[in-house]
Amino acid sequence: MSAPARPPGAAPGDGGDTAEDRGVAPDHGGTTAFGGGTAPPGAERCRLPMAYVLPLRWTDDAGLAELTGYLRRLNDLVDVTVVDGSPPEVFDRHARAWRGLVRHLRPDPALRGVNGKVTGVLTGVGAARHEHVVIADDDVRYDEAGLRVVHRLLDRVDLVRPQNYFDPLPWHAWWDTGRTLLNRALGADYPGTLAVRRSTFLAMGGYDPDVLFENLELIRTVRAYGGTEAAPAWLHVRRLPPDTTHFLGQRVRQAYDDLAQPARLVTSLAVLPALAAAVANRRPGLLLGAAATTVALAEAGRRRGGGTAVFPPATALAAPLWVLERGVCGWLAVGRRLLLGGVRYAGGRVRRAAHFERTLRRHLR
């Protein structure tokens, strides 16, 4: 299988160049969706030749009015497709609310997979009318500037990986931001949105719908195919926080994602033994030093790529708490893999977090 054509100078995994290198002004403002975002200098406000795919599965419509308002603003700029796997009565309410506003589809019944989000993405990208496609969860809120930057980046690369931030910031969003900052310090976070070239996506055959960590699976599949990636730390895209119940229900499931990242898994599994050893040996200084180092690392992630505009200073203090949580949930995740054969997700059970890139490369070849 041949790799997609790339512009001269682009390399697999590319994304370390600056905004100025790409001819795109960095967006450090982190504005809310269409609430004051500005387009790059010289850009006219016009509809972009770009598709926006939103895979959706709701059991209630508590956020319908807010989402409809976002889709209405979004539709002024891009071609929007909502792939809706909600129950029939909920789907019908959505159809009435969005008639004439967006393209509203059911997932392709020919597609099978335990991860309904992936089957929604496969349906939406297949139906997209443009080469540049944004894929976003229902809690992601792009502004105009962010969409225009993604559109420009897709002229150079096959996949764009923005960086999410929570707004508003209740306690559990503050807590989870500790994870985001550590990921930014060590490379890039895994957001609730990616953007792809449709031709590359279709040529590589999409990605596996039988994994839990679907964004990592898509990123690795693009890389394995020979595609290029940009993950600019300065491209901040707003995300709405989940409610507290949903947040608490995600803790072990998100820790299960580390089974696809052995180095992270080993690190998380080492947290509790290290904590126990420090307590048993009465070495509080070790604990304070580890906490301070973790906060410093998170602060480096907060300052990277103009992140101080969207991540408040106190968010770095959440990093040690998140590390401790992951240390507990990592063991629970391993237990569910060994004893139950996987983790529960959307009414089913998923065994595999994501494929390793070398496995995908062999499969694609």
Protein backbone atom coordinates (compact mmCIF):
# COMPACT_ATOMS: atom_id res chain seq x y z
CA MET A 1 0.00 0.00 0.00
CA SER A 2 1.53 3.30 -1.02
CA ALA A 3 1.70 6.26 1.33
CA PRO A 4 -0.24 9.45 0.56
CA ALA A 5 1.59 12.22 -1.21
CA ARG A 6 3.19 14.77 1.09
CA PRO A 7 4.41 18.30 0.44
CA PRO A 8 8.21 18.64 0.18
CA GLY A 9 9.87 18.71 3.58
CA ALA A 10 7.04 17.09 5.51
CA ALA A 11 8.01 14.00 7.48
CA PRO A 12 6.01 11.36 9.32
CA GLY A 13 5.19 12.61 12.80
CA ASP A 14 5.84 16.22 11.74
CA GLY A 15 4.37 18.72 14.14
CA GLY A 16 7.31 20.28 15.89
CA ASP A 17 7.51 23.31 13.62
CA THR A 18 6.12 26.59 14.87
CA ALA A 19 3.00 28.40 13.78
CA GLU A 20 5.10 31.00 12.06
CA ASP A 21 6.87 28.24 10.09
CA ARG A 22 3.47 27.24 8.74
CA GLY A 23 2.44 30.79 7.96
CA VAL A 24 -0.34 30.58 10.57
CA ALA A 25 -0.68 32.97 13.46
CA PRO A 26 -0.79 31.12 16.80
CA ASP A 27 -4.09 31.41 18.65
CA HIS A 28 -3.20 31.98 22.28
CA GLY A 29 -6.52 33.59 23.08
CA GLY A 30 -8.54 30.43 23.65
CA THR A 31 -11.82 32.18 22.85
CA THR A 32 -15.11 30.42 23.31
CA ALA A 33 -16.98 29.09 20.30
CA PHE A 34 -17.57 31.95 17.89
CA GLY A 35 -17.59 34.32 20.83
CA GLY A 36 -14.90 36.71 19.68
CA GLY A 37 -12.38 34.50 17.89
CA THR A 38 -10.56 36.24 15.10
CA ALA A 39 -9.47 34.80 11.78
CA PRO A 40 -5.82 35.05 10.71
CA PRO A 41 -4.86 38.42 9.17
CA GLY A 42 -6.27 38.85 5.69
CA ALA A 43 -8.77 36.01 6.02
CA GLU A 44 -12.32 36.83 5.02
CA ARG A 45 -15.28 35.47 6.94
CA CYS A 46 -16.66 32.94 4.52
CA ARG A 47 -17.75 29.32 4.46
CA LEU A 48 -14.76 26.97 4.45
CA PRO A 49 -14.50 24.00 2.05
CA MET A 50 -14.41 21.72 5.05
CA ALA A 51 -16.53 18.99 6.66
CA TYR A 52 -17.30 18.65 10.37
CA VAL A 53 -18.31 15.18 11.59
CA LEU A 54 -19.93 14.79 14.99
CA PRO A 55 -20.58 11.18 16.12
CA LEU A 56 -23.33 11.16 18.72
CA ARG A 57 -25.17 8.75 20.97
CA TRP A 58 -27.45 10.30 23.60
CA THR A 59 -30.01 8.69 25.87
CA ASP A 60 -31.43 12.05 26.98
CA ASP A 61 -31.49 15.57 25.59
CA ALA A 62 -30.36 17.66 28.55
CA GLY A 63 -27.85 19.51 26.36
CA LEU A 64 -29.90 19.70 23.17
CA ALA A 65 -30.57 23.45 23.19
CA GLU A 66 -26.92 24.35 23.76
CA LEU A 67 -25.66 21.89 21.14
CA THR A 68 -28.23 23.12 18.61
CA GLY A 69 -27.03 26.69 19.10
CA TYR A 70 -23.44 25.58 18.51
CA LEU A 71 -24.41 23.65 15.37
CA ARG A 72 -26.24 26.69 14.04
CA ARG A 73 -23.14 28.87 14.42
CA LEU A 74 -20.92 26.10 13.10
CA ASN A 75 -23.08 25.65 10.01
CA ASP A 76 -22.29 29.21 8.97
CA LEU A 77 -18.68 28.17 8.41
CA VAL A 78 -18.45 24.47 7.51
CA ASP A 79 -20.52 21.56 6.21
CA VAL A 80 -21.81 19.74 9.31
CA THR A 81 -22.76 16.07 9.52
CA VAL A 82 -24.13 14.54 12.72
CA VAL A 83 -24.01 10.74 12.79
CA ASP A 84 -26.57 9.89 15.43
CA GLY A 85 -26.67 6.47 17.06
CA SER A 86 -29.21 7.52 19.69
CA PRO A 87 -32.33 5.43 20.42
CA PRO A 88 -35.17 5.99 17.89
CA GLU A 89 -37.22 8.41 20.00
CA VAL A 90 -34.14 10.54 20.75
CA PHE A 91 -33.00 10.39 17.12
CA ASP A 92 -36.44 11.64 16.02
CA ARG A 93 -36.28 14.61 18.40
CA HIS A 94 -32.87 15.47 17.02
CA ALA A 95 -34.18 15.20 13.46
CA ARG A 96 -36.90 17.73 14.25
CA ALA A 97 -34.50 20.12 15.99
CA TRP A 98 -31.87 19.99 13.23
CA ARG A 99 -34.01 19.78 10.11
CA GLY A 100 -32.52 22.11 7.50
CA LEU A 101 -29.57 22.89 9.77
CA VAL A 102 -27.17 19.93 9.44
CA ARG A 103 -26.99 16.61 7.66
CA HIS A 104 -28.38 14.14 10.18
CA LEU A 105 -27.53 10.47 9.55
CA ARG A 106 -27.81 7.13 11.28
CA PRO A 107 -24.61 5.05 11.48
CA ASP A 108 -24.13 2.82 8.46
CA PRO A 109 -25.83 -0.49 9.41
CA ALA A 110 -23.22 -2.41 7.41
CA LEU A 111 -20.52 -1.33 9.88
CA ARG A 112 -19.89 -3.47 12.94
CA GLY A 113 -17.78 -2.72 16.00
CA VAL A 114 -17.94 -2.40 19.76
CA ASN A 115 -17.00 1.28 19.67
CA GLY A 116 -20.01 3.18 18.37
CA LYS A 117 -18.05 6.41 18.09
CA VAL A 118 -15.75 4.83 15.52
CA THR A 119 -18.63 3.49 13.42
CA GLY A 120 -20.08 7.00 13.52
CA VAL A 121 -16.78 8.47 12.34
CA LEU A 122 -16.47 5.89 9.57
CA THR A 123 -19.99 6.77 8.42
CA GLY A 124 -19.43 10.52 8.62
CA VAL A 125 -16.05 10.66 6.92
CA GLY A 126 -17.35 8.37 4.16
CA ALA A 127 -20.27 10.75 3.59
CA ALA A 128 -18.17 13.94 3.81
CA ARG A 129 -18.22 16.27 0.81
CA HIS A 130 -14.79 17.83 1.40
CA GLU A 131 -11.18 16.68 1.63
CA HIS A 132 -10.56 18.36 5.00
CA VAL A 133 -12.60 16.78 7.79
CA VAL A 134 -12.83 17.73 11.46
CA ILE A 135 -13.94 14.92 13.78
CA ALA A 136 -15.19 16.14 17.16
CA ASP A 137 -17.00 14.82 20.23
CA ASP A 138 -20.27 16.46 21.21
CA ASP A 139 -18.58 18.46 24.01
CA VAL A 140 -15.95 20.11 21.76
CA ARG A 141 -16.54 23.77 20.86
CA TYR A 142 -14.41 25.18 18.04
CA ASP A 143 -14.17 28.88 17.35
CA GLU A 144 -13.76 30.30 13.86
CA ALA A 145 -10.04 30.90 14.25
CA GLY A 146 -9.47 27.29 15.30
CA LEU A 147 -11.32 25.93 12.27
CA ARG A 148 -9.33 28.14 9.91
CA VAL A 149 -6.02 27.05 11.47
CA VAL A 150 -6.97 23.38 11.17
CA HIS A 151 -7.96 23.95 7.54
CA ARG A 152 -4.53 25.46 6.78
CA LEU A 153 -2.65 22.70 8.58
CA LEU A 154 -4.45 20.01 6.59
CA ASP A 155 -2.91 21.50 3.46
CA ARG A 156 0.42 20.20 4.82
CA VAL A 157 -0.33 17.13 6.91
CA ASP A 158 -2.71 14.19 7.00
CA LEU A 159 -3.82 14.54 10.63
CA VAL A 160 -4.12 17.49 13.00
CA ARG A 161 -4.22 16.99 16.77
CA PRO A 162 -5.41 20.12 18.61
CA GLN A 163 -5.17 20.62 22.37
CA ASN A 164 -8.35 20.80 24.45
CA TYR A 165 -8.99 22.87 27.56
CA PHE A 166 -12.05 22.86 29.83
CA ASP A 167 -14.28 25.90 30.13
CA PRO A 168 -16.01 26.20 32.58
CA LEU A 169 -13.72 24.57 35.14
CA PRO A 170 -15.59 22.76 37.95
CA TRP A 171 -13.54 20.76 40.44
CA HIS A 172 -13.46 17.56 38.41
CA ALA A 173 -12.42 19.42 35.23
CA TRP A 174 -9.65 21.08 37.27
CA TRP A 175 -8.60 17.61 38.45
CA ASP A 176 -8.52 16.17 34.93
CA THR A 177 -6.59 19.18 33.64
CA GLY A 178 -3.66 17.83 35.64
CA ARG A 179 -3.53 14.97 33.10
CA THR A 180 -3.72 17.40 30.19
CA LEU A 181 -0.81 19.48 31.47
CA LEU A 182 1.42 16.45 32.09
CA ASN A 183 0.68 15.16 28.59
CA ARG A 184 1.52 18.57 27.13
CA ALA A 185 4.80 18.65 29.04
CA LEU A 186 5.78 15.22 27.73
CA GLY A 187 4.54 15.69 24.16
CA ALA A 188 0.87 16.30 23.39
CA ASP A 189 -2.47 15.57 24.99
CA TYR A 190 -5.12 13.29 23.47
CA PRO A 191 -8.04 15.61 22.68
CA GLY A 192 -11.68 14.95 21.94
CA THR A 193 -11.15 16.13 18.38
CA LEU A 194 -8.88 15.29 15.45
CA ALA A 195 -8.87 16.44 11.84
CA VAL A 196 -7.93 14.32 8.83
CA ARG A 197 -7.58 14.37 5.09
CA ARG A 198 -10.47 12.33 3.77
CA SER A 199 -8.42 10.80 0.97
CA THR A 200 -5.84 9.48 3.43
CA PHE A 201 -8.53 8.19 5.77
CA LEU A 202 -10.28 6.26 3.00
CA ALA A 203 -7.05 4.98 1.42
CA MET A 204 -5.90 3.42 4.70
CA GLY A 205 -9.32 1.84 5.20
CA GLY A 206 -10.38 3.92 8.20
CA TYR A 207 -9.47 2.46 11.60
CA ASP A 208 -10.48 -0.38 13.90
CA PRO A 209 -13.92 -0.01 15.57
CA ASP A 210 -13.14 -2.73 18.14
CA VAL A 211 -10.80 -0.74 20.38
CA LEU A 212 -11.44 1.52 23.38
CA PHE A 213 -8.89 4.32 22.85
CA GLU A 214 -10.16 5.31 19.43
CA ASN A 215 -8.23 8.57 19.06
CA LEU A 216 -4.90 6.86 19.71
CA GLU A 217 -5.92 4.14 17.25
CA LEU A 218 -6.61 6.73 14.54
CA ILE A 219 -3.36 8.57 15.20
CA ARG A 220 -1.34 5.36 15.08
CA THR A 221 -3.12 4.14 11.95
CA VAL A 222 -2.28 7.36 10.09
CA ARG A 223 1.36 7.07 11.18
CA ALA A 224 1.52 3.37 10.24
CA TYR A 225 0.15 4.22 6.80
CA GLY A 226 2.96 6.75 6.32
CA GLY A 227 0.84 9.83 6.92
CA THR A 228 2.00 13.02 8.61
CA GLU A 229 0.77 14.54 11.85
CA ALA A 230 0.77 18.03 13.37
CA ALA A 231 0.16 18.47 17.10
CA PRO A 232 0.67 22.20 17.73
CA ALA A 233 0.63 22.96 21.45
CA TRP A 234 -0.70 26.45 20.68
CA LEU A 235 -3.90 25.26 18.96
CA HIS A 236 -6.33 25.44 21.87
CA VAL A 237 -9.89 24.21 21.38
CA ARG A 238 -12.49 24.60 24.09
CA ARG A 239 -14.23 21.59 25.61
CA LEU A 240 -17.24 21.49 27.92
CA PRO A 241 -16.68 19.48 31.11
CA PRO A 242 -18.78 16.36 31.76
CA ASP A 243 -21.07 16.21 34.77
CA THR A 244 -19.61 14.81 37.98
CA THR A 245 -21.31 11.42 37.66
CA HIS A 246 -19.96 10.90 34.15
CA PHE A 247 -16.48 11.98 35.25
CA LEU A 248 -16.41 9.51 38.12
CA GLY A 249 -17.66 6.71 35.86
CA GLN A 250 -14.75 7.29 33.45
CA ARG A 251 -11.84 6.87 35.87
CA VAL A 252 -11.07 3.18 35.40
CA ARG A 253 -12.05 3.22 31.73
CA GLN A 254 -9.56 6.01 31.02
CA ALA A 255 -6.87 4.18 32.98
CA TYR A 256 -7.53 1.15 30.76
CA ASP A 257 -6.26 3.24 27.84
CA ASP A 258 -2.75 2.89 29.31
CA LEU A 259 -2.73 -0.78 28.35
CA ALA A 260 -1.92 0.48 24.85
CA GLN A 261 1.00 2.54 26.22
CA PRO A 262 3.27 0.23 28.23
CA ALA A 263 5.62 2.93 29.55
CA ARG A 264 2.69 4.89 30.96
CA LEU A 265 1.16 1.74 32.39
CA VAL A 266 4.36 0.75 34.20
CA THR A 267 4.68 4.27 35.58
CA SER A 268 1.12 4.32 36.89
CA LEU A 269 1.46 0.84 38.43
CA ALA A 270 4.61 1.97 40.25
CA VAL A 271 2.85 4.85 42.04
CA LEU A 272 1.23 2.87 44.87
CA PRO A 273 4.29 0.68 45.65
CA ALA A 274 6.49 3.78 45.72
CA LEU A 275 4.01 5.54 47.98
CA ALA A 276 3.84 2.55 50.33
CA ALA A 277 7.65 2.29 50.46
CA ALA A 278 8.03 5.97 51.32
CA VAL A 279 5.43 5.72 54.11
CA ALA A 280 6.90 2.48 55.50
CA ASN A 281 10.36 4.02 55.62
CA ARG A 282 9.07 7.29 57.07
CA ARG A 283 10.41 9.36 54.21
CA PRO A 284 7.90 12.23 53.83
CA GLY A 285 10.56 14.22 52.03
CA LEU A 286 10.42 11.79 49.15
CA LEU A 287 6.67 12.27 48.84
CA LEU A 288 6.96 16.06 48.96
CA GLY A 289 9.75 15.98 46.38
CA ALA A 290 7.73 13.75 44.04
CA ALA A 291 4.70 16.01 44.38
CA ALA A 292 6.77 19.15 43.74
CA THR A 293 8.40 17.57 40.68
CA THR A 294 5.00 16.60 39.31
CA VAL A 295 3.65 20.13 39.80
CA ALA A 296 6.74 21.59 38.11
CA LEU A 297 6.30 19.26 35.14
CA ALA A 298 2.62 20.20 34.86
CA GLU A 299 3.54 23.89 35.04
CA ALA A 300 5.92 23.38 32.11
CA GLY A 301 3.00 21.90 30.17
CA ARG A 302 0.80 24.83 31.18
CA ARG A 303 3.31 27.36 29.87
CA ARG A 304 3.94 25.51 26.62
CA GLY A 305 2.44 26.96 23.45
CA GLY A 306 0.75 29.92 25.15
CA GLY A 307 -1.20 27.61 27.45
CA THR A 308 -1.30 30.18 30.24
CA ALA A 309 -4.11 31.89 28.30
CA VAL A 310 -6.47 28.93 28.77
CA PHE A 311 -5.09 26.97 31.75
CA PRO A 312 -5.35 28.86 35.09
CA PRO A 313 -2.25 28.74 37.36
CA ALA A 314 -3.92 26.51 39.95
CA THR A 315 -4.45 23.71 37.43
CA ALA A 316 -0.82 22.58 37.79
CA LEU A 317 -1.57 21.74 41.43
CA ALA A 318 -4.01 19.06 40.28
CA ALA A 319 -1.27 16.96 38.68
CA PRO A 320 -0.16 15.02 41.83
CA LEU A 321 -3.77 14.18 42.65
CA TRP A 322 -4.36 12.90 39.13
CA VAL A 323 -1.15 10.81 39.29
CA LEU A 324 -2.33 9.24 42.55
CA GLU A 325 -5.75 8.52 41.02
CA ARG A 326 -4.14 6.92 37.97
CA GLY A 327 -1.96 4.83 40.28
CA VAL A 328 -5.09 3.34 41.87
CA CYS A 329 -7.14 3.03 38.70
CA GLY A 330 -4.25 1.51 36.76
CA TRP A 331 -4.32 -1.55 39.02
CA LEU A 332 -8.11 -1.74 38.71
CA ALA A 333 -7.81 -1.58 34.92
CA VAL A 334 -5.26 -4.41 34.85
CA GLY A 335 -7.53 -6.44 37.11
CA ARG A 336 -10.46 -5.99 34.74
CA ARG A 337 -8.31 -7.10 31.82
CA LEU A 338 -7.08 -10.23 33.61
CA LEU A 339 -10.24 -11.22 35.48
CA LEU A 340 -13.07 -9.93 33.30
CA GLY A 341 -11.49 -9.90 29.86
CA GLY A 342 -11.90 -6.17 29.34
CA VAL A 343 -13.65 -3.03 30.47
CA ARG A 344 -17.33 -2.20 30.07
CA TYR A 345 -18.14 0.41 27.45
CA ALA A 346 -21.53 1.46 26.01
CA GLY A 347 -23.27 -1.69 27.18
CA GLY A 348 -20.54 -4.05 25.96
CA ARG A 349 -17.04 -5.07 26.96
CA VAL A 350 -13.88 -3.99 25.16
CA ARG A 351 -10.68 -6.00 25.52
CA ARG A 352 -8.17 -4.05 23.43
CA ALA A 353 -7.26 -0.45 24.26
CA ALA A 354 -5.52 0.17 20.92
CA HIS A 355 -3.15 -1.59 18.52
CA PHE A 356 0.57 -0.92 18.59
CA GLU A 357 1.83 1.01 15.59
CA ARG A 358 4.11 -1.83 14.46
CA THR A 359 1.08 -4.15 14.36
CA LEU A 360 -0.87 -1.70 12.25
CA ARG A 361 2.10 -1.23 9.94
CA ARG A 362 2.33 -4.97 9.31
CA HIS A 363 -1.41 -5.13 8.68
CA LEU A 364 -1.37 -2.22 6.23
CA ARG A 365 1.57 -3.69 4.34
